[in-house]
Every structure is written in structure tokens, then in C-alpha cells.
Amino acid sequence: MAWAMHYRISPLQVILMSKAKLAELIGVHQTDITRLIKKQSIDSGKLTTISRVLNHNFFLDFYGNIEETATDLAVKVGYYMGKYNKLLIDYERISRELMDSQAEVDRLRSKLKEMGCEDY
């Protein structure tokens, strides 16, 4: 049914369309429509035919969701990279403070030892 690929149908007609009519338009048996509806995947050639007949690009629906997901992930990556960089700066600052504090403790212990206080 080559003519069916160029036949345009309104959204309201799609909603009201029977399985038999859709099967006729895409050139398959009505039981094939029932199987298609129940399946979790569909042959890309068949989906192309259905898209053309129903005047709706189902591939764009799928890829649109992927792009949104990629955008969401990119935003999250940016957020966590910013958080990571801030923590890294804090870590470097704290590491310097720890080393300075340890040096001061060592200096004070040495001074106490010179004064004869061995307990520290």
C-alpha cells in the first residue's frame, strides 16, 4: 500500500481509529497491530511507515527524550564538578592548616622539653 505512506490523518482521526483501519493504512493484518501494541520494541521500518501514515515522527519523540536526559546529566555534571572543585580547595586549605598546626605543636613540645617538661 504505497499510497498509505503519503496519506495524512488528523490527530482526532488517530484517536478514533480502529485497529483494523490502522492495519489497512500500514499494510498489515489487524492481528499484527495487536501484537505491535503489546510489544516493547518495534522494527524501525514499520515505525517509519506508521509515522508517515499517522503524520507523527515517533523517532523524534524518542530522541527528544534522550536529548533532555543528556541536558539534565550535563547540568548535574556541572553542579558536582563545582562542588568537587570547592571541596578540593577546602581540602588543600585544611591540609596546609594541619601541617602548620603540626609544626606549631612540634615547636611547642620542643620548647617544653627544653624547659624540662617531658610529659608533653
PDB file of N, CA and C in Angstrom:
ATOM      1  N   MET A   1       0.830  -1.193   0.000  1.00  0.00           N
ATOM      2  CA  MET A   1       0.000   0.000   0.000  1.00  0.00           C
ATOM      3  C   MET A   1       0.871   1.251   0.000  1.00  0.00           C
ATOM      4  N   ALA A   2       1.513   1.548  -1.071  1.00  0.00           N
ATOM      5  CA  ALA A   2       2.385   2.705  -1.155  1.00  0.00           C
ATOM      6  C   ALA A   2       1.620   4.005  -0.926  1.00  0.00           C
ATOM      7  N   TRP A   3       0.365   4.048  -1.339  1.00  0.00           N
ATOM      8  CA  TRP A   3      -0.421   5.275  -1.157  1.00  0.00           C
ATOM      9  C   TRP A   3      -0.585   5.633   0.306  1.00  0.00           C
ATOM     10  N   ALA A   4      -0.573   4.642   1.167  1.00  0.00           N
ATOM     11  CA  ALA A   4      -0.811   4.883   2.594  1.00  0.00           C
ATOM     12  C   ALA A   4       0.310   5.707   3.225  1.00  0.00           C
ATOM     13  N   MET A   5       1.497   5.605   2.687  1.00  0.00           N
ATOM     14  CA  MET A   5       2.622   6.310   3.277  1.00  0.00           C
ATOM     15  C   MET A   5       2.498   7.823   3.129  1.00  0.00           C
ATOM     16  N   HIS A   6       1.693   8.280   2.176  1.00  0.00           N
ATOM     17  CA  HIS A   6       1.539   9.709   1.959  1.00  0.00           C
ATOM     18  C   HIS A   6       0.173  10.213   2.414  1.00  0.00           C
ATOM     19  N   TYR A   7      -0.619   9.346   2.970  1.00  0.00           N
ATOM     20  CA  TYR A   7      -1.962   9.688   3.419  1.00  0.00           C
ATOM     21  C   TYR A   7      -1.860  10.402   4.758  1.00  0.00           C
ATOM     22  N   ARG A   8      -2.453  11.586   4.878  1.00  0.00           N
ATOM     23  CA  ARG A   8      -2.369  12.361   6.114  1.00  0.00           C
ATOM     24  C   ARG A   8      -3.644  12.216   6.924  1.00  0.00           C
ATOM     25  N   ILE A   9      -3.482  12.019   8.225  1.00  0.00           N
ATOM     26  CA  ILE A   9      -4.607  11.775   9.123  1.00  0.00           C
ATOM     27  C   ILE A   9      -4.525  12.788  10.259  1.00  0.00           C
ATOM     28  N   SER A  10      -5.650  13.328  10.653  1.00  0.00           N
ATOM     29  CA  SER A  10      -5.667  14.299  11.746  1.00  0.00           C
ATOM     30  C   SER A  10      -5.492  13.579  13.083  1.00  0.00           C
ATOM     31  N   PRO A  11      -5.016  14.292  14.116  1.00  0.00           N
ATOM     32  CA  PRO A  11      -4.865  13.671  15.439  1.00  0.00           C
ATOM     33  C   PRO A  11      -6.170  13.088  15.975  1.00  0.00           C
ATOM     34  N   LEU A  12      -7.281  13.764  15.715  1.00  0.00           N
ATOM     35  CA  LEU A  12      -8.574  13.249  16.177  1.00  0.00           C
ATOM     36  C   LEU A  12      -8.899  11.931  15.487  1.00  0.00           C
ATOM     37  N   GLN A  13      -8.598  11.831  14.206  1.00  0.00           N
ATOM     38  CA  GLN A  13      -8.847  10.576  13.485  1.00  0.00           C
ATOM     39  C   GLN A  13      -7.985   9.443  14.046  1.00  0.00           C
ATOM     40  N   VAL A  14      -6.770   9.769  14.447  1.00  0.00           N
ATOM     41  CA  VAL A  14      -5.888   8.744  15.017  1.00  0.00           C
ATOM     42  C   VAL A  14      -6.484   8.215  16.312  1.00  0.00           C
ATOM     43  N   ILE A  15      -6.982   9.107  17.158  1.00  0.00           N
ATOM     44  CA  ILE A  15      -7.565   8.709  18.436  1.00  0.00           C
ATOM     45  C   ILE A  15      -8.771   7.803  18.223  1.00  0.00           C
ATOM     46  N   LEU A  16      -9.574   8.123  17.231  1.00  0.00           N
ATOM     47  CA  LEU A  16     -10.794   7.367  16.977  1.00  0.00           C
ATOM     48  C   LEU A  16     -10.586   6.173  16.058  1.00  0.00           C
ATOM     49  N   MET A  17      -9.390   6.020  15.530  1.00  0.00           N
ATOM     50  CA  MET A  17      -9.112   4.981  14.533  1.00  0.00           C
ATOM     51  C   MET A  17      -9.160   3.582  15.154  1.00  0.00           C
ATOM     52  N   SER A  18      -9.725   2.666  14.422  1.00  0.00           N
ATOM     53  CA  SER A  18      -9.750   1.274  14.873  1.00  0.00           C
ATOM     54  C   SER A  18      -8.443   0.588  14.493  1.00  0.00           C
ATOM     55  N   LYS A  19      -8.180  -0.524  15.132  1.00  0.00           N
ATOM     56  CA  LYS A  19      -7.001  -1.306  14.786  1.00  0.00           C
ATOM     57  C   LYS A  19      -7.088  -1.770  13.339  1.00  0.00           C
ATOM     58  N   ALA A  20      -8.288  -2.099  12.910  1.00  0.00           N
ATOM     59  CA  ALA A  20      -8.486  -2.567  11.535  1.00  0.00           C
ATOM     60  C   ALA A  20      -8.103  -1.482  10.534  1.00  0.00           C
ATOM     61  N   LYS A  21      -8.503  -0.243  10.806  1.00  0.00           N
ATOM     62  CA  LYS A  21      -8.186   0.861   9.900  1.00  0.00           C
ATOM     63  C   LYS A  21      -6.685   1.129   9.879  1.00  0.00           C
ATOM     64  N   LEU A  22      -6.042   1.140  11.048  1.00  0.00           N
ATOM     65  CA  LEU A  22      -4.601   1.345  11.100  1.00  0.00           C
ATOM     66  C   LEU A  22      -3.885   0.227  10.355  1.00  0.00           C
ATOM     67  N   ALA A  23      -4.329  -1.003  10.551  1.00  0.00           N
ATOM     68  CA  ALA A  23      -3.736  -2.146   9.852  1.00  0.00           C
ATOM     69  C   ALA A  23      -3.859  -1.965   8.342  1.00  0.00           C
ATOM     70  N   GLU A  24      -5.014  -1.514   7.898  1.00  0.00           N
ATOM     71  CA  GLU A  24      -5.236  -1.274   6.463  1.00  0.00           C
ATOM     72  C   GLU A  24      -4.279  -0.195   5.945  1.00  0.00           C
ATOM     73  N   LEU A  25      -4.129   0.888   6.684  1.00  0.00           N
ATOM     74  CA  LEU A  25      -3.296   2.006   6.242  1.00  0.00           C
ATOM     75  C   LEU A  25      -1.814   1.660   6.155  1.00  0.00           C
ATOM     76  N   ILE A  26      -1.349   0.799   7.052  1.00  0.00           N
ATOM     77  CA  ILE A  26       0.086   0.474   7.022  1.00  0.00           C
ATOM     78  C   ILE A  26       0.367  -0.860   6.329  1.00  0.00           C
ATOM     79  N   GLY A  27      -0.666  -1.501   5.869  1.00  0.00           N
ATOM     80  CA  GLY A  27      -0.484  -2.705   5.059  1.00  0.00           C
ATOM     81  C   GLY A  27      -0.162  -3.968   5.828  1.00  0.00           C
ATOM     82  N   VAL A  28      -0.786  -4.133   6.988  1.00  0.00           N
ATOM     83  CA  VAL A  28      -0.587  -5.356   7.768  1.00  0.00           C
ATOM     84  C   VAL A  28      -1.947  -5.895   8.191  1.00  0.00           C
ATOM     85  N   HIS A  29      -1.949  -7.090   8.742  1.00  0.00           N
ATOM     86  CA  HIS A  29      -3.183  -7.693   9.237  1.00  0.00           C
ATOM     87  C   HIS A  29      -3.527  -7.088  10.599  1.00  0.00           C
ATOM     88  N   GLN A  30      -4.779  -7.064  10.949  1.00  0.00           N
ATOM     89  CA  GLN A  30      -5.238  -6.488  12.217  1.00  0.00           C
ATOM     90  C   GLN A  30      -4.572  -7.154  13.424  1.00  0.00           C
ATOM     91  N   THR A  31      -4.348  -8.450  13.361  1.00  0.00           N
ATOM     92  CA  THR A  31      -3.685  -9.132  14.489  1.00  0.00           C
ATOM     93  C   THR A  31      -2.250  -8.635  14.669  1.00  0.00           C
ATOM     94  N   ASP A  32      -1.615  -8.183  13.558  1.00  0.00           N
ATOM     95  CA  ASP A  32      -0.266  -7.622  13.672  1.00  0.00           C
ATOM     96  C   ASP A  32      -0.285  -6.327  14.485  1.00  0.00           C
ATOM     97  N   ILE A  33      -1.347  -5.548  14.353  1.00  0.00           N
ATOM     98  CA  ILE A  33      -1.480  -4.312  15.120  1.00  0.00           C
ATOM     99  C   ILE A  33      -1.566  -4.638  16.610  1.00  0.00           C
ATOM    100  N   THR A  34      -2.363  -5.638  16.950  1.00  0.00           N
ATOM    101  CA  THR A  34      -2.487  -6.052  18.349  1.00  0.00           C
ATOM    102  C   THR A  34      -1.126  -6.470  18.890  1.00  0.00           C
ATOM    103  N   ARG A  35      -0.365  -7.235  18.113  1.00  0.00           N
ATOM    104  CA  ARG A  35       0.975  -7.658  18.536  1.00  0.00           C
ATOM    105  C   ARG A  35       1.910  -6.463  18.687  1.00  0.00           C
ATOM    106  N   LEU A  36       1.836  -5.520  17.751  1.00  0.00           N
ATOM    107  CA  LEU A  36       2.684  -4.328  17.820  1.00  0.00           C
ATOM    108  C   LEU A  36       2.423  -3.528  19.098  1.00  0.00           C
ATOM    109  N   ILE A  37       1.162  -3.403  19.452  1.00  0.00           N
ATOM    110  CA  ILE A  37       0.780  -2.636  20.639  1.00  0.00           C
ATOM    111  C   ILE A  37       1.325  -3.289  21.905  1.00  0.00           C
ATOM    112  N   LYS A  38       1.323  -4.609  21.943  1.00  0.00           N
ATOM    113  CA  LYS A  38       1.763  -5.333  23.137  1.00  0.00           C
ATOM    114  C   LYS A  38       3.282  -5.419  23.258  1.00  0.00           C
ATOM    115  N   LYS A  39       4.017  -5.292  22.130  1.00  0.00           N
ATOM    116  CA  LYS A  39       5.473  -5.434  22.148  1.00  0.00           C
ATOM    117  C   LYS A  39       6.144  -4.217  22.774  1.00  0.00           C
ATOM    118  N   GLN A  40       7.320  -4.446  23.336  1.00  0.00           N
ATOM    119  CA  GLN A  40       8.092  -3.340  23.902  1.00  0.00           C
ATOM    120  C   GLN A  40       9.004  -2.696  22.871  1.00  0.00           C
ATOM    121  N   SER A  41       9.176  -3.323  21.724  1.00  0.00           N
ATOM    122  CA  SER A  41      10.011  -2.752  20.667  1.00  0.00           C
ATOM    123  C   SER A  41       9.299  -2.937  19.328  1.00  0.00           C
ATOM    124  N   ILE A  42       9.790  -2.200  18.327  1.00  0.00           N
ATOM    125  CA  ILE A  42       9.168  -2.261  17.007  1.00  0.00           C
ATOM    126  C   ILE A  42      10.258  -2.104  15.956  1.00  0.00           C
ATOM    127  N   ASP A  43      10.105  -2.786  14.848  1.00  0.00           N
ATOM    128  CA  ASP A  43      11.019  -2.676  13.717  1.00  0.00           C
ATOM    129  C   ASP A  43      11.032  -1.228  13.225  1.00  0.00           C
ATOM    130  N   SER A  44      12.224  -0.680  12.978  1.00  0.00           N
ATOM    131  CA  SER A  44      12.320   0.734  12.583  1.00  0.00           C
ATOM    132  C   SER A  44      11.621   1.016  11.260  1.00  0.00           C
ATOM    133  N   GLY A  45      11.633   0.050  10.333  1.00  0.00           N
ATOM    134  CA  GLY A  45      10.925   0.229   9.067  1.00  0.00           C
ATOM    135  C   GLY A  45       9.421   0.350   9.288  1.00  0.00           C
ATOM    136  N   LYS A  46       8.901  -0.487  10.178  1.00  0.00           N
ATOM    137  CA  LYS A  46       7.473  -0.446  10.492  1.00  0.00           C
ATOM    138  C   LYS A  46       7.116   0.871  11.187  1.00  0.00           C
ATOM    139  N   LEU A  47       7.998   1.313  12.104  1.00  0.00           N
ATOM    140  CA  LEU A  47       7.755   2.569  12.799  1.00  0.00           C
ATOM    141  C   LEU A  47       7.802   3.753  11.828  1.00  0.00           C
ATOM    142  N   THR A  48       8.677   3.682  10.838  1.00  0.00           N
ATOM    143  CA  THR A  48       8.742   4.729   9.819  1.00  0.00           C
ATOM    144  C   THR A  48       7.429   4.795   9.054  1.00  0.00           C
ATOM    145  N   THR A  49       6.910   3.642   8.653  1.00  0.00           N
ATOM    146  CA  THR A  49       5.641   3.592   7.928  1.00  0.00           C
ATOM    147  C   THR A  49       4.508   4.156   8.779  1.00  0.00           C
ATOM    148  N   ILE A  50       4.439   3.731  10.036  1.00  0.00           N
ATOM    149  CA  ILE A  50       3.380   4.225  10.941  1.00  0.00           C
ATOM    150  C   ILE A  50       3.526   5.737  11.128  1.00  0.00           C
ATOM    151  N   SER A  51       4.760   6.206  11.284  1.00  0.00           N
ATOM    152  CA  SER A  51       4.999   7.644  11.454  1.00  0.00           C
ATOM    153  C   SER A  51       4.488   8.428  10.260  1.00  0.00           C
ATOM    154  N   ARG A  52       4.767   7.921   9.076  1.00  0.00           N
ATOM    155  CA  ARG A  52       4.315   8.622   7.857  1.00  0.00           C
ATOM    156  C   ARG A  52       2.795   8.601   7.727  1.00  0.00           C
ATOM    157  N   VAL A  53       2.202   7.451   7.981  1.00  0.00           N
ATOM    158  CA  VAL A  53       0.749   7.328   7.851  1.00  0.00           C
ATOM    159  C   VAL A  53       0.022   8.198   8.868  1.00  0.00           C
ATOM    160  N   LEU A  54       0.532   8.217  10.100  1.00  0.00           N
ATOM    161  CA  LEU A  54      -0.127   8.984  11.156  1.00  0.00           C
ATOM    162  C   LEU A  54       0.363  10.437  11.223  1.00  0.00           C
ATOM    163  N   ASN A  55       1.298  10.778  10.334  1.00  0.00           N
ATOM    164  CA  ASN A  55       1.822  12.138  10.268  1.00  0.00           C
ATOM    165  C   ASN A  55       2.418  12.574  11.615  1.00  0.00           C
ATOM    166  N   HIS A  56       3.168  11.651  12.224  1.00  0.00           N
ATOM    167  CA  HIS A  56       3.814  11.940  13.509  1.00  0.00           C
ATOM    168  C   HIS A  56       5.156  11.227  13.540  1.00  0.00           C
ATOM    169  N   ASN A  57       6.222  11.955  13.838  1.00  0.00           N
ATOM    170  CA  ASN A  57       7.566  11.377  13.875  1.00  0.00           C
ATOM    171  C   ASN A  57       7.843  10.786  15.262  1.00  0.00           C
ATOM    172  N   PHE A  58       7.628   9.486  15.399  1.00  0.00           N
ATOM    173  CA  PHE A  58       7.853   8.814  16.678  1.00  0.00           C
ATOM    174  C   PHE A  58       9.342   8.753  17.031  1.00  0.00           C
ATOM    175  N   PHE A  59      10.217   8.787  16.031  1.00  0.00           N
ATOM    176  CA  PHE A  59      11.654   8.799  16.292  1.00  0.00           C
ATOM    177  C   PHE A  59      12.051  10.086  17.014  1.00  0.00           C
ATOM    178  N   LEU A  60      11.456  11.201  16.606  1.00  0.00           N
ATOM    179  CA  LEU A  60      11.754  12.477  17.246  1.00  0.00           C
ATOM    180  C   LEU A  60      11.320  12.452  18.707  1.00  0.00           C
ATOM    181  N   ASP A  61      10.195  11.803  19.002  1.00  0.00           N
ATOM    182  CA  ASP A  61       9.757  11.666  20.397  1.00  0.00           C
ATOM    183  C   ASP A  61      10.836  10.964  21.218  1.00  0.00           C
ATOM    184  N   PHE A  62      11.371   9.880  20.666  1.00  0.00           N
ATOM    185  CA  PHE A  62      12.378   9.106  21.377  1.00  0.00           C
ATOM    186  C   PHE A  62      13.658   9.907  21.555  1.00  0.00           C
ATOM    187  N   TYR A  63      14.173  10.478  20.476  1.00  0.00           N
ATOM    188  CA  TYR A  63      15.430  11.206  20.559  1.00  0.00           C
ATOM    189  C   TYR A  63      15.290  12.491  21.349  1.00  0.00           C
ATOM    190  N   GLY A  64      14.110  13.093  21.358  1.00  0.00           N
ATOM    191  CA  GLY A  64      13.875  14.276  22.183  1.00  0.00           C
ATOM    192  C   GLY A  64      14.101  13.956  23.652  1.00  0.00           C
ATOM    193  N   ASN A  65      13.636  12.786  24.093  1.00  0.00           N
ATOM    194  CA  ASN A  65      13.829  12.371  25.482  1.00  0.00           C
ATOM    195  C   ASN A  65      15.296  12.142  25.800  1.00  0.00           C
ATOM    196  N   ILE A  66      16.037  11.600  24.854  1.00  0.00           N
ATOM    197  CA  ILE A  66      17.465  11.371  25.065  1.00  0.00           C
ATOM    198  C   ILE A  66      18.179  12.705  25.230  1.00  0.00           C
ATOM    199  N   GLU A  67      17.831  13.691  24.384  1.00  0.00           N
ATOM    200  CA  GLU A  67      18.467  14.992  24.478  1.00  0.00           C
ATOM    201  C   GLU A  67      18.160  15.655  25.816  1.00  0.00           C
ATOM    202  N   GLU A  68      16.933  15.541  26.289  1.00  0.00           N
ATOM    203  CA  GLU A  68      16.591  16.104  27.596  1.00  0.00           C
ATOM    204  C   GLU A  68      17.395  15.427  28.687  1.00  0.00           C
ATOM    205  N   THR A  69      17.518  14.133  28.584  1.00  0.00           N
ATOM    206  CA  THR A  69      18.281  13.391  29.574  1.00  0.00           C
ATOM    207  C   THR A  69      19.746  13.815  29.540  1.00  0.00           C
ATOM    208  N   ALA A  70      20.310  13.978  28.352  1.00  0.00           N
ATOM    209  CA  ALA A  70      21.698  14.405  28.226  1.00  0.00           C
ATOM    210  C   ALA A  70      21.874  15.805  28.812  1.00  0.00           C
ATOM    211  N   THR A  71      20.910  16.678  28.573  1.00  0.00           N
ATOM    212  CA  THR A  71      20.981  18.029  29.130  1.00  0.00           C
ATOM    213  C   THR A  71      20.929  17.974  30.648  1.00  0.00           C
ATOM    214  N   ASP A  72      20.013  17.173  31.173  1.00  0.00           N
ATOM    215  CA  ASP A  72      19.917  17.031  32.630  1.00  0.00           C
ATOM    216  C   ASP A  72      21.224  16.510  33.216  1.00  0.00           C
ATOM    217  N   LEU A  73      21.809  15.522  32.555  1.00  0.00           N
ATOM    218  CA  LEU A  73      23.072  14.968  33.042  1.00  0.00           C
ATOM    219  C   LEU A  73      24.192  15.996  32.975  1.00  0.00           C
ATOM    220  N   ALA A  74      24.216  16.785  31.909  1.00  0.00           N
ATOM    221  CA  ALA A  74      25.256  17.817  31.783  1.00  0.00           C
ATOM    222  C   ALA A  74      25.134  18.845  32.905  1.00  0.00           C
ATOM    223  N   VAL A  75      23.910  19.215  33.252  1.00  0.00           N
ATOM    224  CA  VAL A  75      23.697  20.158  34.352  1.00  0.00           C
ATOM    225  C   VAL A  75      24.187  19.547  35.665  1.00  0.00           C
ATOM    226  N   LYS A  76      23.871  18.271  35.889  1.00  0.00           N
ATOM    227  CA  LYS A  76      24.310  17.608  37.113  1.00  0.00           C
ATOM    228  C   LYS A  76      25.824  17.491  37.176  1.00  0.00           C
ATOM    229  N   VAL A  77      26.442  17.178  36.030  1.00  0.00           N
ATOM    230  CA  VAL A  77      27.903  17.089  35.990  1.00  0.00           C
ATOM    231  C   VAL A  77      28.504  18.440  36.358  1.00  0.00           C
ATOM    232  N   GLY A  78      27.957  19.509  35.806  1.00  0.00           N
ATOM    233  CA  GLY A  78      28.433  20.853  36.136  1.00  0.00           C
ATOM    234  C   GLY A  78      28.305  21.154  37.616  1.00  0.00           C
ATOM    235  N   TYR A  79      27.168  20.799  38.180  1.00  0.00           N
ATOM    236  CA  TYR A  79      26.933  21.032  39.612  1.00  0.00           C
ATOM    237  C   TYR A  79      27.963  20.280  40.462  1.00  0.00           C
ATOM    238  N   TYR A  80      28.131  18.980  40.172  1.00  0.00           N
ATOM    239  CA  TYR A  80      29.045  18.188  41.001  1.00  0.00           C
ATOM    240  C   TYR A  80      30.507  18.534  40.749  1.00  0.00           C
ATOM    241  N   MET A  81      30.848  18.983  39.551  1.00  0.00           N
ATOM    242  CA  MET A  81      32.221  19.439  39.307  1.00  0.00           C
ATOM    243  C   MET A  81      32.501  20.700  40.121  1.00  0.00           C
ATOM    244  N   GLY A  82      31.527  21.600  40.185  1.00  0.00           N
ATOM    245  CA  GLY A  82      31.685  22.795  41.011  1.00  0.00           C
ATOM    246  C   GLY A  82      31.856  22.441  42.476  1.00  0.00           C
ATOM    247  N   LYS A  83      31.027  21.503  42.932  1.00  0.00           N
ATOM    248  CA  LYS A  83      31.114  21.050  44.322  1.00  0.00           C
ATOM    249  C   LYS A  83      32.465  20.378  44.589  1.00  0.00           C
ATOM    250  N   TYR A  84      32.911  19.551  43.647  1.00  0.00           N
ATOM    251  CA  TYR A  84      34.199  18.868  43.765  1.00  0.00           C
ATOM    252  C   TYR A  84      35.341  19.885  43.851  1.00  0.00           C
ATOM    253  N   ASN A  85      35.327  20.872  42.965  1.00  0.00           N
ATOM    254  CA  ASN A  85      36.386  21.892  42.966  1.00  0.00           C
ATOM    255  C   ASN A  85      36.413  22.664  44.278  1.00  0.00           C
ATOM    256  N   LYS A  86      35.242  22.997  44.821  1.00  0.00           N
ATOM    257  CA  LYS A  86      35.180  23.706  46.104  1.00  0.00           C
ATOM    258  C   LYS A  86      35.756  22.830  47.216  1.00  0.00           C
ATOM    259  N   LEU A  87      35.379  21.561  47.220  1.00  0.00           N
ATOM    260  CA  LEU A  87      35.910  20.649  48.237  1.00  0.00           C
ATOM    261  C   LEU A  87      37.419  20.474  48.100  1.00  0.00           C
ATOM    262  N   LEU A  88      37.902  20.446  46.871  1.00  0.00           N
ATOM    263  CA  LEU A  88      39.340  20.318  46.643  1.00  0.00           C
ATOM    264  C   LEU A  88      40.079  21.538  47.187  1.00  0.00           C
ATOM    265  N   ILE A  89      39.538  22.711  46.971  1.00  0.00           N
ATOM    266  CA  ILE A  89      40.135  23.937  47.526  1.00  0.00           C
ATOM    267  C   ILE A  89      40.113  23.883  49.049  1.00  0.00           C
ATOM    268  N   ASP A  90      38.967  23.462  49.622  1.00  0.00           N
ATOM    269  CA  ASP A  90      38.871  23.336  51.083  1.00  0.00           C
ATOM    270  C   ASP A  90      39.881  22.318  51.602  1.00  0.00           C
ATOM    271  N   TYR A  91      40.032  21.194  50.880  1.00  0.00           N
ATOM    272  CA  TYR A  91      40.973  20.155  51.288  1.00  0.00           C
ATOM    273  C   TYR A  91      42.399  20.696  51.318  1.00  0.00           C
ATOM    274  N   GLU A  92      42.771  21.431  50.282  1.00  0.00           N
ATOM    275  CA  GLU A  92      44.120  21.999  50.228  1.00  0.00           C
ATOM    276  C   GLU A  92      44.336  22.993  51.368  1.00  0.00           C
ATOM    277  N   ARG A  93      43.326  23.816  51.652  1.00  0.00           N
ATOM    278  CA  ARG A  93      43.423  24.784  52.750  1.00  0.00           C
ATOM    279  C   ARG A  93      43.562  24.055  54.084  1.00  0.00           C
ATOM    280  N   ILE A  94      42.726  23.046  54.299  1.00  0.00           N
ATOM    281  CA  ILE A  94      42.763  22.289  55.555  1.00  0.00           C
ATOM    282  C   ILE A  94      44.085  21.543  55.695  1.00  0.00           C
ATOM    283  N   SER A  95      44.598  20.990  54.593  1.00  0.00           N
ATOM    284  CA  SER A  95      45.890  20.294  54.636  1.00  0.00           C
ATOM    285  C   SER A  95      47.000  21.243  55.069  1.00  0.00           C
ATOM    286  N   ARG A  96      47.000  22.461  54.518  1.00  0.00           N
ATOM    287  CA  ARG A  96      48.007  23.462  54.926  1.00  0.00           C
ATOM    288  C   ARG A  96      47.855  23.806  56.404  1.00  0.00           C
ATOM    289  N   GLU A  97      46.603  23.980  56.856  1.00  0.00           N
ATOM    290  CA  GLU A  97      46.361  24.297  58.268  1.00  0.00           C
ATOM    291  C   GLU A  97      46.833  23.162  59.168  1.00  0.00           C
ATOM    292  N   LEU A  98      46.581  21.916  58.752  1.00  0.00           N
ATOM    293  CA  LEU A  98      47.038  20.764  59.548  1.00  0.00           C
ATOM    294  C   LEU A  98      48.559  20.743  59.642  1.00  0.00           C
ATOM    295  N   MET A  99      49.233  20.956  58.530  1.00  0.00           N
ATOM    296  CA  MET A  99      50.697  20.956  58.541  1.00  0.00           C
ATOM    297  C   MET A  99      51.230  22.100  59.406  1.00  0.00           C
ATOM    298  N   ASP A 100      50.636  23.285  59.300  1.00  0.00           N
ATOM    299  CA  ASP A 100      51.046  24.420  60.130  1.00  0.00           C
ATOM    300  C   ASP A 100      50.814  24.123  61.610  1.00  0.00           C
ATOM    301  N   SER A 101      49.650  23.528  61.908  1.00  0.00           N
ATOM    302  CA  SER A 101      49.330  23.196  63.304  1.00  0.00           C
ATOM    303  C   SER A 101      50.312  22.155  63.846  1.00  0.00           C
ATOM    304  N   GLN A 102      50.611  21.141  63.026  1.00  0.00           N
ATOM    305  CA  GLN A 102      51.557  20.107  63.460  1.00  0.00           C
ATOM    306  C   GLN A 102      52.943  20.710  63.711  1.00  0.00           C
ATOM    307  N   ALA A 103      53.355  21.616  62.850  1.00  0.00           N
ATOM    308  CA  ALA A 103      54.650  22.284  63.028  1.00  0.00           C
ATOM    309  C   ALA A 103      54.659  23.089  64.326  1.00  0.00           C
ATOM    310  N   GLU A 104      53.562  23.772  64.630  1.00  0.00           N
ATOM    311  CA  GLU A 104      53.475  24.563  65.866  1.00  0.00           C
ATOM    312  C   GLU A 104      53.485  23.653  67.093  1.00  0.00           C
ATOM    313  N   VAL A 105      52.773  22.519  67.027  1.00  0.00           N
ATOM    314  CA  VAL A 105      52.775  21.551  68.135  1.00  0.00           C
ATOM    315  C   VAL A 105      54.196  21.034  68.350  1.00  0.00           C
ATOM    316  N   ASP A 106      54.887  20.690  67.273  1.00  0.00           N
ATOM    317  CA  ASP A 106      56.271  20.201  67.390  1.00  0.00           C
ATOM    318  C   ASP A 106      57.178  21.265  68.005  1.00  0.00           C
ATOM    319  N   ARG A 107      57.008  22.530  67.584  1.00  0.00           N
ATOM    320  CA  ARG A 107      57.813  23.631  68.130  1.00  0.00           C
ATOM    321  C   ARG A 107      57.563  23.811  69.632  1.00  0.00           C
ATOM    322  N   LEU A 108      56.280  23.762  70.032  1.00  0.00           N
ATOM    323  CA  LEU A 108      55.936  23.939  71.450  1.00  0.00           C
ATOM    324  C   LEU A 108      56.414  22.766  72.299  1.00  0.00           C
ATOM    325  N   ARG A 109      56.318  21.542  71.779  1.00  0.00           N
ATOM    326  CA  ARG A 109      56.829  20.377  72.515  1.00  0.00           C
ATOM    327  C   ARG A 109      58.334  20.491  72.724  1.00  0.00           C
ATOM    328  N   SER A 110      59.018  20.941  71.697  1.00  0.00           N
ATOM    329  CA  SER A 110      60.467  21.108  71.804  1.00  0.00           C
ATOM    330  C   SER A 110      60.807  22.137  72.881  1.00  0.00           C
ATOM    331  N   LYS A 111      60.052  23.200  72.907  1.00  0.00           N
ATOM    332  CA  LYS A 111      60.270  24.263  73.911  1.00  0.00           C
ATOM    333  C   LYS A 111      60.013  23.710  75.322  1.00  0.00           C
ATOM    334  N   LEU A 112      58.908  22.917  75.456  1.00  0.00           N
ATOM    335  CA  LEU A 112      58.606  22.302  76.756  1.00  0.00           C
ATOM    336  C   LEU A 112      59.720  21.353  77.184  1.00  0.00           C
ATOM    337  N   LYS A 113      60.269  20.620  76.245  1.00  0.00           N
ATOM    338  CA  LYS A 113      61.350  19.677  76.548  1.00  0.00           C
ATOM    339  C   LYS A 113      62.582  20.440  77.049  1.00  0.00           C
ATOM    340  N   GLU A 114      62.861  21.584  76.416  1.00  0.00           N
ATOM    341  CA  GLU A 114      63.983  22.417  76.848  1.00  0.00           C
ATOM    342  C   GLU A 114      63.779  22.925  78.273  1.00  0.00           C
ATOM    343  N   MET A 115      62.488  23.103  78.654  1.00  0.00           N
ATOM    344  CA  MET A 115      62.173  23.602  79.985  1.00  0.00           C
ATOM    345  C   MET A 115      62.110  22.491  81.011  1.00  0.00           C
ATOM    346  N   GLY A 116      62.333  21.245  80.536  1.00  0.00           N
ATOM    347  CA  GLY A 116      62.342  20.114  81.455  1.00  0.00           C
ATOM    348  C   GLY A 116      61.005  19.440  81.648  1.00  0.00           C
ATOM    349  N   CYS A 117      60.034  19.783  80.847  1.00  0.00           N
ATOM    350  CA  CYS A 117      58.702  19.130  80.926  1.00  0.00           C
ATOM    351  C   CYS A 117      58.655  18.018  79.893  1.00  0.00           C
ATOM    352  N   GLU A 118      58.908  16.789  80.334  1.00  0.00           N
ATOM    353  CA  GLU A 118      58.986  15.652  79.417  1.00  0.00           C
ATOM    354  C   GLU A 118      57.639  14.996  79.165  1.00  0.00           C
ATOM    355  N   ASP A 119      56.615  15.342  79.929  1.00  0.00           N
ATOM    356  CA  ASP A 119      55.316  14.670  79.809  1.00  0.00           C
ATOM    357  C   ASP A 119      54.558  15.022  78.521  1.00  0.00           C
ATOM    358  N   TYR A 120      54.905  16.097  77.904  1.00  0.00           N
ATOM    359  CA  TYR A 120      54.169  16.509  76.693  1.00  0.00           C
ATOM    360  C   TYR A 120      54.867  15.990  75.499  1.00  0.00           C
TER     361      TYR A 120
END
